Protein backbone atom coordinates (compact mmCIF):
# COMPACT_ATOMS: atom_id res chain seq x y z
CA MET A 1 89.65 113.40 104.98
CA PRO A 2 86.61 111.49 104.09
CA SER A 3 86.64 109.61 100.81
CA SER A 4 85.95 106.45 98.96
CA VAL A 5 89.29 105.11 98.71
CA LEU A 6 92.23 104.43 100.55
CA ARG A 7 94.76 106.85 99.96
CA ALA A 8 98.39 107.63 101.34
CA ASP A 9 100.23 110.55 99.52
CA GLY A 10 103.93 111.71 100.14
CA VAL A 11 103.65 109.72 103.88
CA SER A 12 106.58 109.77 106.06
CA VAL A 13 107.09 108.34 109.78
CA SER A 14 109.98 107.87 112.38
CA PHE A 15 110.54 106.76 115.77
CA GLY A 16 112.86 108.90 117.42
CA GLU A 17 116.11 108.73 115.04
CA ARG A 18 114.62 105.65 113.01
CA ARG A 19 113.09 106.33 110.02
CA VAL A 20 109.95 104.05 109.14
CA LEU A 21 108.16 105.29 106.47
CA THR A 22 109.90 107.72 103.46
CA ASP A 23 107.57 109.32 101.47
CA LEU A 24 104.99 106.57 100.40
CA SER A 25 102.14 106.94 98.67
CA LEU A 26 99.38 104.39 97.75
CA THR A 27 95.68 104.22 96.47
CA VAL A 28 93.16 101.60 97.03
CA SER A 29 90.10 101.69 95.35
CA PRO A 30 86.45 100.31 96.06
CA GLY A 31 86.68 96.63 95.23
CA GLN A 32 90.38 96.16 95.08
CA ARG A 33 91.88 93.83 97.83
CA VAL A 34 95.55 95.07 98.22
CA GLY A 35 98.12 92.73 100.22
CA LEU A 36 100.90 94.33 101.67
CA LEU A 37 104.80 92.46 101.46
CA GLY A 38 107.83 93.72 102.72
CA GLU A 39 110.60 92.49 105.64
CA ASN A 40 109.90 92.45 108.97
CA GLY A 41 110.17 96.15 110.35
CA ALA A 42 109.71 97.61 106.99
CA GLY A 43 106.40 99.51 108.27
CA LYS A 44 103.42 97.46 107.51
CA SER A 45 101.66 97.69 110.60
CA THR A 46 102.69 101.63 110.98
CA LEU A 47 101.00 102.18 107.53
CA LEU A 48 97.84 100.51 108.20
CA GLY A 49 97.95 102.33 111.75
CA VAL A 50 98.35 105.96 109.60
CA LEU A 51 95.69 104.81 107.56
CA ALA A 52 93.30 104.36 109.93
CA GLY A 53 93.86 107.66 111.85
CA GLU A 54 95.46 106.20 114.44
CA LEU A 55 98.94 107.30 113.83
CA GLU A 56 99.71 110.80 112.82
CA PRO A 57 102.31 110.93 110.05
CA ASP A 58 105.42 113.26 110.35
CA ALA A 59 104.74 114.34 106.53
CA GLY A 60 102.44 113.76 103.88
CA ARG A 61 98.39 113.25 103.50
CA VAL A 62 96.01 110.70 104.02
CA GLU A 63 92.57 109.88 102.70
CA ARG A 64 89.59 107.53 104.07
CA PRO A 65 86.51 106.73 103.96
CA VAL A 66 84.20 107.61 107.07
CA ALA A 67 83.29 104.12 108.11
CA THR A 68 87.06 102.36 108.01
CA GLY A 69 87.75 99.50 110.57
CA LEU A 70 91.39 98.35 111.32
CA LEU A 71 92.13 94.81 112.82
CA ARG A 72 95.17 94.81 115.17
CA GLN A 73 97.37 92.03 115.71
CA GLU A 74 97.12 92.26 119.40
CA VAL A 75 93.67 93.12 121.17
CA ALA A 76 93.79 95.41 123.93
CA ALA A 77 90.64 94.88 126.05
CA ASP A 78 89.48 94.96 129.59
CA PRO A 79 90.26 91.53 130.62
CA ALA A 80 87.09 91.66 133.24
CA HIS A 81 84.69 92.89 130.38
CA PRO A 82 82.70 89.86 128.83
CA VAL A 83 83.49 88.94 125.00
CA SER A 84 80.76 90.39 123.96
CA ALA A 85 82.49 93.57 124.85
CA ILE A 86 84.69 93.30 121.65
CA LEU A 87 81.79 93.18 119.56
CA GLU A 88 80.25 95.83 120.33
CA ALA A 89 83.01 97.94 120.54
CA GLU A 90 82.87 98.27 116.74
CA LEU A 91 78.95 98.38 116.39
CA GLY A 92 78.47 101.94 117.69
CA THR A 93 77.05 102.98 114.32
CA LEU A 94 74.27 100.47 114.14
CA ARG A 95 73.54 100.69 117.78
CA ARG A 96 73.24 104.32 117.32
CA LEU A 97 70.81 103.96 114.57
CA GLU A 98 69.00 101.08 116.13
CA ARG A 99 68.28 103.73 119.38
CA GLU A 100 67.42 106.73 116.95
CA LEU A 101 64.80 104.53 114.94
CA ASP A 102 63.23 103.67 118.94
CA GLU A 103 63.28 107.10 119.41
CA ALA A 104 61.50 108.42 116.32
CA ALA A 105 59.14 105.53 116.60
CA ALA A 106 58.17 106.74 119.78
CA ALA A 107 57.84 110.26 118.38
CA LEU A 108 55.43 109.32 115.74
CA SER A 109 52.47 109.87 118.03
CA GLY A 110 53.61 113.72 119.14
CA ASP A 111 53.10 116.68 117.25
CA ALA A 112 56.42 117.08 115.48
CA PRO A 113 55.82 117.77 111.76
CA ASP A 114 58.81 115.97 110.79
CA ALA A 115 58.45 112.82 112.61
CA ALA A 116 57.44 110.86 109.74
CA ASP A 117 59.99 111.59 107.53
CA ARG A 118 62.34 111.08 110.00
CA TYR A 119 61.06 107.86 110.98
CA ALA A 120 60.98 106.81 107.35
CA ALA A 121 64.71 108.00 106.64
CA LEU A 122 65.77 106.19 109.41
CA LEU A 123 63.80 103.03 108.68
CA ASP A 124 65.23 102.99 105.23
CA ALA A 125 69.34 103.34 106.49
CA ALA A 126 67.99 100.25 109.47
CA GLU A 127 66.69 98.03 106.49
CA ARG A 128 70.25 98.57 104.46
CA ALA A 129 72.00 97.95 107.07
CA GLU A 130 70.54 95.11 107.84
CA LEU A 131 69.48 95.72 111.18
CA TRP A 132 67.12 93.14 111.69
CA THR A 133 69.27 90.39 110.78
CA LEU A 134 72.10 91.54 112.92
CA ASP A 135 72.13 88.44 115.75
CA GLY A 136 71.46 86.05 113.11
CA ARG A 137 74.54 87.61 111.04
CA ARG A 138 76.62 87.51 114.19
CA ASP A 139 75.67 84.31 115.08
CA GLU A 140 76.84 83.11 111.28
CA ILE A 141 80.34 85.00 111.69
CA LEU A 142 80.78 83.41 114.90
CA ASP A 143 80.38 79.94 113.79
CA GLY A 144 82.11 80.55 110.54
CA LEU A 145 85.41 81.99 112.43
CA GLY A 146 85.29 78.91 115.30
CA VAL A 147 84.07 80.70 118.04
CA ALA A 148 80.38 80.36 118.39
CA GLY A 149 80.71 77.81 121.19
CA ILE A 150 82.12 80.55 123.44
CA PRO A 151 79.47 82.13 125.43
CA LEU A 152 79.49 85.81 125.17
CA GLU A 153 79.09 86.39 128.82
CA ARG A 154 82.58 84.68 129.22
CA PRO A 155 85.16 87.61 130.78
CA ILE A 156 87.76 88.33 128.00
CA GLY A 157 90.47 87.45 130.16
CA GLU A 158 89.57 83.41 130.40
CA VAL A 159 89.71 83.24 126.50
CA SER A 160 93.04 82.89 124.39
CA GLY A 161 94.79 86.08 122.81
CA GLY A 162 93.67 83.75 119.35
CA GLN A 163 90.01 83.63 120.46
CA ARG A 164 90.21 87.02 121.10
CA SER A 165 91.69 88.22 117.85
CA ARG A 166 88.74 85.87 116.26
CA PHE A 167 86.29 87.94 118.46
CA ALA A 168 87.71 90.89 117.06
CA LEU A 169 87.62 89.74 113.56
CA ALA A 170 83.93 88.88 113.84
CA ALA A 171 83.25 92.57 114.87
CA LEU A 172 84.60 94.15 111.82
CA LEU A 173 82.96 91.49 109.41
CA LEU A 174 79.66 91.87 111.11
CA ALA A 175 79.77 96.14 111.41
CA ARG A 176 80.80 96.43 107.69
CA PRO A 177 82.74 99.55 107.52
CA GLU A 178 83.27 100.75 103.88
CA ALA A 179 86.87 100.19 104.21
CA LEU A 180 88.79 97.27 105.89
CA LEU A 181 92.75 97.28 107.02
CA LEU A 182 93.74 93.99 108.69
CA ASP A 183 96.97 92.84 110.40
CA GLU A 184 97.90 89.84 109.67
CA PRO A 185 94.13 88.28 109.76
CA THR A 186 94.55 84.65 109.49
CA ASN A 187 96.76 84.56 112.51
CA HIS A 188 95.13 82.20 114.66
CA LEU A 189 92.96 80.98 112.22
CA ASP A 190 92.32 77.08 111.16
CA ASP A 191 91.86 76.10 107.87
CA ALA A 192 87.97 76.20 108.15
CA ALA A 193 87.75 79.76 109.72
CA VAL A 194 90.66 81.07 106.48
CA GLY A 195 88.11 79.88 104.12
CA PHE A 196 85.13 81.72 105.95
CA LEU A 197 87.49 84.62 105.74
CA VAL A 198 87.97 84.35 102.17
CA GLY A 199 84.65 84.17 100.94
CA ARG A 200 83.93 87.22 102.96
CA LEU A 201 86.35 89.46 101.54
CA ARG A 202 86.21 88.30 98.12
CA THR A 203 82.44 90.19 98.22
CA TRP A 204 83.66 93.20 99.83
CA ARG A 205 82.83 96.04 97.91
CA GLY A 206 84.97 98.74 99.69
CA PRO A 207 88.55 99.20 99.64
CA VAL A 208 90.47 96.40 101.65
CA LEU A 209 94.34 96.59 102.48
CA PHE A 210 95.58 93.59 104.04
CA ALA A 211 98.99 92.70 106.04
CA SER A 212 99.76 89.02 105.92
CA HIS A 213 102.38 86.51 105.94
CA ASP A 214 100.09 83.93 104.66
CA ARG A 215 100.96 82.99 101.35
CA ALA A 216 97.85 80.86 100.32
CA PHE A 217 95.88 83.90 101.71
CA LEU A 218 97.28 86.48 99.37
CA ASP A 219 97.05 84.31 96.46
CA GLU A 220 93.19 83.38 97.11
CA VAL A 221 92.12 87.20 98.16
CA ALA A 222 94.74 90.34 96.78
CA THR A 223 94.04 91.53 93.60
CA GLY A 224 97.53 92.94 93.87
CA LEU A 225 100.09 93.42 95.91
CA VAL A 226 102.51 96.04 96.91
CA ASP A 227 106.04 95.57 98.42
CA ILE A 228 107.34 98.25 100.82
CA ASP A 229 110.12 99.09 99.09
CA PRO A 230 112.18 102.40 100.35
CA ALA A 231 114.36 102.25 96.90
CA ALA A 232 110.78 102.78 94.86
CA SER A 233 110.09 106.33 93.82
CA ASP A 234 106.56 106.37 96.03
CA GLY A 235 108.23 104.19 98.53
CA VAL A 236 106.27 101.02 97.18
CA THR A 237 106.51 98.67 94.26
CA ARG A 238 103.29 97.14 92.68
CA TYR A 239 102.57 94.00 91.41
CA GLY A 240 99.06 92.59 89.76
CA GLY A 241 97.37 89.55 90.94
CA GLY A 242 97.98 87.18 93.80
CA TYR A 243 100.68 86.04 95.28
CA SER A 244 101.40 83.22 92.56
CA ASP A 245 101.75 85.82 90.23
CA TYR A 246 104.10 87.75 92.27
CA LEU A 247 106.48 84.61 92.46
CA ALA A 248 106.24 84.87 88.77
CA ALA A 249 107.39 88.47 88.30
CA LYS A 250 109.81 88.41 91.10
CA ALA A 251 111.08 85.22 89.07
CA ALA A 252 111.30 87.57 85.92
CA GLU A 253 112.97 90.39 87.68
CA ARG A 254 115.82 88.15 89.06
CA ALA A 255 116.56 86.56 85.42
CA ARG A 256 116.47 89.92 83.91
CA TRP A 257 119.07 90.81 86.64
CA GLU A 258 121.08 88.02 86.52
CA ALA A 259 121.32 88.43 82.48
CA ARG A 260 122.22 92.06 83.11
CA PHE A 261 125.24 91.38 85.67
CA ALA A 262 126.62 88.60 83.43
CA GLU A 263 126.56 91.09 80.37
CA GLU A 264 128.04 93.93 82.21
CA GLU A 265 130.58 91.66 83.79
CA GLN A 266 131.56 90.31 80.36
CA GLU A 267 131.86 93.66 78.59
CA LEU A 268 133.81 95.18 81.91
CA ALA A 269 136.30 92.21 81.71
CA GLU A 270 136.38 92.99 77.66
CA LEU A 271 136.88 96.81 78.16
CA GLU A 272 139.64 95.86 81.00
CA HIS A 273 141.29 93.77 78.61
CA ALA A 274 140.92 96.41 75.68
CA VAL A 275 142.42 99.56 77.66
CA ALA A 276 145.29 97.04 78.98
CA VAL A 277 146.63 95.25 75.41
CA THR A 278 145.09 97.43 72.55
CA ALA A 279 148.09 99.72 72.24
CA ARG A 280 150.86 96.92 72.44
CA ARG A 281 148.77 94.99 70.05
CA LEU A 282 148.20 97.90 67.33
CA ALA A 283 151.73 99.33 67.78
CA PRO A 284 153.91 98.81 64.61
CA GLY A 285 155.96 95.56 64.94
CA ARG A 286 158.44 95.68 62.62
CA ALA A 287 161.62 98.08 61.58
CA ARG A 288 162.06 100.83 59.29
CA ARG A 289 163.31 100.49 55.84
CA ASP A 290 165.78 102.97 54.27
CA ASN A 291 163.06 104.15 51.63
CA GLU A 292 160.34 104.25 54.29
CA LYS A 293 161.92 106.75 56.59
CA MET A 294 160.36 109.98 55.35
CA GLY A 295 156.92 108.76 55.72
CA TYR A 296 157.55 106.18 58.63
CA ASP A 297 157.43 109.22 61.45
CA PHE A 298 154.47 110.43 59.90
CA ARG A 299 152.47 107.29 59.88
CA ALA A 300 153.59 106.13 63.23
CA ASP A 301 152.50 109.37 64.75
CA HIS A 302 149.04 109.20 62.80
CA HIS A 303 149.18 105.57 64.12
CA GLN A 304 149.56 106.21 67.91
CA GLN A 305 147.19 108.91 68.03
CA GLN A 306 144.51 106.18 66.75
CA VAL A 307 145.83 104.19 69.29
CA ALA A 308 145.47 106.50 71.86
CA ARG A 309 141.89 107.55 70.71
CA ARG A 310 141.00 104.25 71.08
CA VAL A 311 141.88 103.40 74.57
CA ARG A 312 140.59 106.78 75.33
CA ASN A 313 137.40 105.73 74.15
CA ALA A 314 137.85 102.11 75.91
CA ALA A 315 138.52 103.75 79.33
CA GLY A 316 136.04 105.99 79.43
CA ARG A 317 133.30 103.20 78.58
CA LEU A 318 134.83 101.51 81.17
CA GLU A 319 135.07 104.07 83.81
CA GLY A 320 130.90 104.81 82.98
CA LEU A 321 130.51 100.81 83.34
CA ARG A 322 132.00 100.48 86.82
CA GLU A 323 129.97 103.62 88.07
CA ALA A 324 126.59 102.84 86.43
CA ARG A 325 126.66 98.85 86.83
CA VAL A 326 124.10 97.22 88.40
CA GLY A 327 125.21 94.93 91.65
CA GLU A 328 125.03 91.28 91.74
CA PRO A 329 121.89 89.48 92.51
CA PRO A 330 121.95 88.45 96.30
CA THR A 331 122.44 84.93 97.09
CA LEU A 332 119.96 82.62 97.21
CA LEU A 333 119.33 79.98 100.34
CA SER A 334 120.78 76.62 99.13
CA PHE A 335 122.54 73.67 100.81
CA ALA A 336 124.78 73.12 97.51
CA GLY A 337 128.11 73.02 97.96
CA ILE A 338 127.57 72.05 101.66
CA PRO A 339 128.94 68.83 103.01
CA ALA A 340 126.51 66.09 103.54
CA GLY A 341 126.25 64.85 107.13
CA SER A 342 124.28 61.52 105.93
CA HIS A 343 127.61 59.85 104.34
CA LEU A 344 128.99 59.37 108.12
CA LEU A 345 126.07 57.23 108.88
CA GLU A 346 126.78 54.06 106.35
CA GLY A 347 123.97 51.65 105.78
CA ASP A 348 120.23 52.15 105.39
CA GLU A 349 119.02 51.48 108.70
CA PRO A 350 116.60 54.15 110.06
CA LEU A 351 118.05 57.28 111.74
CA VAL A 352 115.15 57.43 114.04
CA ALA A 353 112.50 54.73 114.99
CA VAL A 354 109.42 54.94 117.41
CA GLU A 355 107.51 52.36 118.71
CA GLY A 356 104.34 53.00 120.59
CA ALA A 357 105.57 56.53 121.97
CA ARG A 358 103.15 58.52 124.53
CA VAL A 359 103.63 61.95 126.11
CA ASP A 360 100.59 62.16 128.72
CA GLY A 361 98.33 64.84 127.40
CA ARG A 362 100.72 65.64 124.31
CA LEU A 363 101.40 62.93 121.96
CA ALA A 364 100.25 59.37 121.20
CA LEU A 365 102.33 57.88 118.23
CA ASP A 366 102.13 54.26 117.41
CA ALA A 367 105.19 54.01 115.04
CA LEU A 368 107.57 55.83 113.28
CA GLU A 369 110.38 55.35 111.20
CA LEU A 370 112.69 57.61 109.42
CA ALA A 371 115.38 56.71 106.64
CA PRO A 372 118.62 58.69 106.10
CA ASP A 373 117.14 60.61 103.32
CA ALA A 374 113.93 60.87 104.50
CA ARG A 375 111.38 63.85 103.69
CA LEU A 376 108.04 64.23 106.51
CA LEU A 377 105.69 67.06 106.87
CA VAL A 378 103.68 66.89 110.10
CA THR A 379 100.43 68.16 110.23
CA GLY A 380 97.57 69.01 112.50
CA PRO A 381 95.82 71.12 114.68
CA ASN A 382 97.29 73.37 117.43
CA GLY A 383 97.85 71.24 120.67
CA VAL A 384 98.11 67.50 118.58
CA GLY A 385 101.74 67.50 119.24
CA LYS A 386 103.58 68.48 116.37
CA SER A 387 106.31 70.43 118.68
CA THR A 388 106.49 67.39 120.99
CA LEU A 389 107.11 65.26 118.02
CA LEU A 390 110.27 66.84 117.55
CA SER A 391 110.90 67.39 120.75
CA VAL A 392 111.22 63.43 121.10
CA LEU A 393 112.85 62.59 117.63
CA ALA A 394 115.53 65.13 119.17
CA GLY A 395 115.91 63.32 122.16
CA ARG A 396 114.87 66.72 124.20
CA VAL A 397 111.97 64.46 125.63
CA ALA A 398 111.61 61.26 126.83
CA PRO A 399 108.44 59.37 125.96
CA ASP A 400 106.13 58.13 129.46
CA ALA A 401 106.17 55.07 127.34
CA GLY A 402 107.12 53.07 124.44
CA ARG A 403 110.72 53.05 122.77
CA VAL A 404 112.76 55.49 120.70
CA SER A 405 115.56 54.36 119.36
CA ARG A 406 118.55 56.71 117.30
CA ARG A 407 121.69 55.43 115.04
CA LYS A 408 124.97 55.67 116.62
CA GLY A 409 126.85 58.87 116.31
CA LEU A 410 123.54 60.36 115.04
CA ARG A 411 123.55 64.17 114.98
CA VAL A 412 120.21 66.05 115.52
CA ALA A 413 119.38 69.98 115.18
CA VAL A 414 116.23 71.44 115.49
CA LEU A 415 115.24 74.92 114.08
CA ASP A 416 112.68 76.14 117.42
CA GLN A 417 109.65 78.36 116.83
CA ASP A 418 110.77 80.71 119.28
CA VAL A 419 115.00 80.88 119.40
CA ARG A 420 116.56 81.40 122.95
CA TRP A 421 120.00 82.58 123.33
CA GLN A 422 122.43 81.55 126.18
CA GLU A 423 124.54 84.71 125.60
CA PRO A 424 122.51 87.33 123.39
CA ALA A 425 125.37 89.67 123.56
CA ARG A 426 127.29 87.59 121.00
CA THR A 427 127.22 89.04 117.64
CA PRO A 428 125.92 86.53 114.48
CA ARG A 429 129.44 86.01 113.55
CA GLU A 430 130.78 85.44 116.88
CA LEU A 431 128.39 82.43 116.99
CA TYR A 432 129.25 81.31 113.67
CA GLU A 433 132.86 81.38 114.06
CA ARG A 434 132.40 79.44 117.15
CA THR A 435 130.12 76.76 115.65
CA LEU A 436 132.18 76.21 112.76
CA GLY A 437 135.71 77.32 113.81
CA GLU A 438 137.63 80.09 112.20
CA ARG A 439 139.27 78.20 109.31
CA ARG A 440 135.73 76.51 107.93
CA ALA A 441 133.97 80.13 108.62
CA ALA A 442 136.14 81.47 106.31
CA GLU A 443 135.81 78.70 103.96
CA LEU A 444 131.96 79.22 103.86
CA PRO A 445 131.87 82.74 104.97
CA LEU A 446 128.23 83.78 107.01
CA ALA A 447 127.34 86.66 104.59
CA GLY A 448 127.58 84.31 101.52
CA LEU A 449 124.72 81.93 102.92
CA GLY A 450 122.00 84.46 101.97
CA LEU A 451 120.57 84.77 105.09
CA LEU A 452 121.58 87.88 106.94
CA ALA A 453 122.64 91.47 105.59
CA GLU A 454 126.29 92.08 106.02
CA ARG A 455 124.66 95.12 108.69
CA ASP A 456 123.35 92.68 111.14
CA LEU A 457 126.27 90.35 111.28
CA ASP A 458 128.26 92.36 114.20
CA ARG A 459 125.00 93.50 116.02
CA PRO A 460 124.31 91.51 119.12
CA VAL A 461 122.00 88.76 118.47
CA GLY A 462 119.36 89.53 121.50
CA ARG A 463 118.80 92.83 119.85
CA LEU A 464 118.08 91.39 116.26
CA SER A 465 114.54 90.94 115.27
CA VAL A 466 112.70 87.82 115.74
CA GLY A 467 113.11 87.16 112.42
CA GLN A 468 116.44 87.73 112.09
CA GLN A 469 117.33 85.48 115.01
CA ARG A 470 115.64 82.74 113.70
CA ARG A 471 118.15 83.42 110.19
CA THR A 472 120.99 83.30 112.33
CA ALA A 473 119.76 79.96 113.98
CA LEU A 474 119.00 78.54 110.74
CA ALA A 475 122.72 79.83 109.47
CA LEU A 476 124.24 77.97 112.47
CA ILE A 477 122.85 74.68 111.59
CA ILE A 478 123.18 74.60 107.80
CA ALA A 479 126.41 75.42 108.27
CA ARG A 480 127.37 72.32 109.39
CA PRO A 481 124.31 70.07 108.11
CA PRO A 482 123.04 67.55 110.66
CA HIS A 483 121.69 63.67 109.68
CA LEU A 484 118.55 65.07 110.81
CA PHE A 485 116.97 68.24 110.45
CA LEU A 486 114.03 69.11 112.24
CA LEU A 487 112.02 72.52 111.74
CA ASP A 488 109.26 73.66 113.78
CA GLU A 489 107.05 76.10 111.75
CA PRO A 490 109.92 77.13 109.74
CA THR A 491 107.92 79.51 107.84
CA ASN A 492 106.82 81.78 111.07
CA HIS A 493 108.79 84.97 111.09
CA LEU A 494 110.43 84.84 107.78
CA SER A 495 109.87 86.97 104.85
CA LEU A 496 108.00 85.44 102.43
CA ALA A 497 111.10 85.56 100.20
CA LEU A 498 113.22 83.55 102.67
CA ALA A 499 110.14 81.36 103.44
CA SER A 500 110.03 80.28 99.83
CA GLU A 501 113.63 80.12 99.44
CA LEU A 502 113.77 77.73 102.48
CA GLU A 503 111.30 75.24 101.12
CA ASP A 504 112.90 74.89 97.95
CA ALA A 505 116.36 74.52 99.43
CA LEU A 506 115.38 71.56 101.72
CA GLY A 507 114.50 69.46 98.78
CA GLY A 508 118.34 69.24 98.30
CA TYR A 509 119.43 69.25 101.73
CA PRO A 510 122.02 66.30 102.38
CA GLY A 511 120.10 64.51 105.04
CA ALA A 512 116.79 63.57 106.90
CA VAL A 513 114.02 66.42 106.92
CA VAL A 514 111.01 66.45 109.33
CA VAL A 515 108.79 69.93 108.89
CA ALA A 516 106.22 70.36 111.34
CA SER A 517 103.96 72.99 109.91
CA HIS A 518 100.40 74.40 109.70
CA ASP A 519 101.30 76.75 106.64
CA ARG A 520 98.69 75.98 104.07
CA TRP A 521 101.28 77.56 101.12
CA LEU A 522 103.60 74.96 102.33
CA ARG A 523 101.16 71.89 102.77
CA ARG A 524 99.98 72.50 99.34
CA ARG A 525 103.14 72.02 97.63
CA TRP A 526 104.72 69.36 99.66
CA SER A 527 105.73 66.02 97.69
CA GLY A 528 106.62 63.89 100.15
CA PRO A 529 104.93 61.97 102.65
CA GLU A 530 103.20 63.44 105.63
CA LEU A 531 102.09 62.26 108.94
CA ALA A 532 98.75 63.53 109.81
CA LEU A 533 98.55 63.76 113.78
CA ARG A 534 95.06 63.47 115.48
CA PRO A 535 93.30 64.60 119.06
CA SER A 536 94.66 61.52 121.41
CA ALA A 537 91.31 59.96 120.72
CA GLN A 538 92.08 59.41 117.45
CA ARG A 539 94.90 57.64 114.97
CA CYS A 540 97.91 59.17 113.26
CA SER A 541 98.36 58.33 109.74
CA VAL A 542 101.10 58.83 107.25
CA ARG A 543 99.96 59.25 103.88
CA GLU A 544 101.93 60.48 100.31
CA SER A 545 101.20 63.41 99.17
CA HIS A 546 101.55 64.97 95.71
CA GLY A 547 101.31 68.63 96.15
């Protein structure tokens, strides 16, 4: 239905027996830029597809402007076609206007009475659409997104998936639909390209709805955030402002939750005590005297009635509180209470020392030493060798030149970007018990780490989502912390909440930590040393970072 807003009203969507969205309602008005939040699988991409008209909901109603554009995470295109076809696929309206204007201009020489009026109307439409500057704007956008150097006649099959995504985003920005629906728009974008996109979206006049795991992008672009929440009455929970405002609101929510839980637990204990001991505490404590015998029975009976009434009242309040009390707030990820691994290695000598390491075509590093309590952030563009460096530190890759020295008895663990399981039929609980042993697993329960829901503990790990598999891999590491913990893009495939928890928890990790990441939010908040890797023709550098 044509509209100036994006609106979902009571939308429900199922895939087979799995309900993804339930009675969800949402409105995004012109000038609003709303970020979609939610756990992996919550239905963010599904909602965007419904609002774009590409997916029919099982129930509910949708409104959208006639010109509504959708950026998908994956670009479907014929690999034999030139990359210009990705651009032209979004320019149908402008190209049609161009043809109609040419036809109207040719008709001016004829006898049609309304030819001049039609030409004038089309000319006005062309000027408003800035048709004459289309090629110039195209070049500007391609340059801003970092793909200006790719010839437009190059076959789509010869460019990377990330480059295809950039061309698809460029096509949307060039076509300028009234409403924008964007699914992870900063995937495959470097810092400069993200900055260009931020500038364009901040001036967008129509409604913008986007799903993103890029916390810095959410902070820079969003005028409001919506968390897909099945427990909410309309399927969503709304927050004003950007991601920093969202974090503040969530922290306040948790503080209120913790305070209410503590108050109710105290009240529960007091009521249980009252029910258990009130009658005994208030009962007569001395024997009757002869001159009291006539009135004693009356007073005792009256006293027992009072006691019984107080006990009934306390029992009623106790039962009501048990039924209505809030649940305990979920455990936050923390390394507190987990035994340190570094104490097993005495002395202050480096855990690992690298000298003149070279991995042909992948890494060149002159020197690096990691102390037992090191904190190091490894940054640099894609392909510069961040993952290779972690593999060298872990002993998985031997350098072609140079030397790597490791402390005797050093235990290293890597949280990989892509988790692979030798036995995908095993459950997280089985893997956890095998790693720690049954006794240790009972002392430090997997559910208590705050990483996996109870329902996922006994599902085959190979059937879990990518994010849940990374959570499982993380649990196996932190329950038996290594001396050196290496994390490769740790915030990938994790929910925003868990990504923030992990970053906060790393500060208290009982050993050395090396993080390789392109995450701008993480990089901005990092307060320790940073190793900036450069292409092989340039030198790497370690500098102190202050967040």
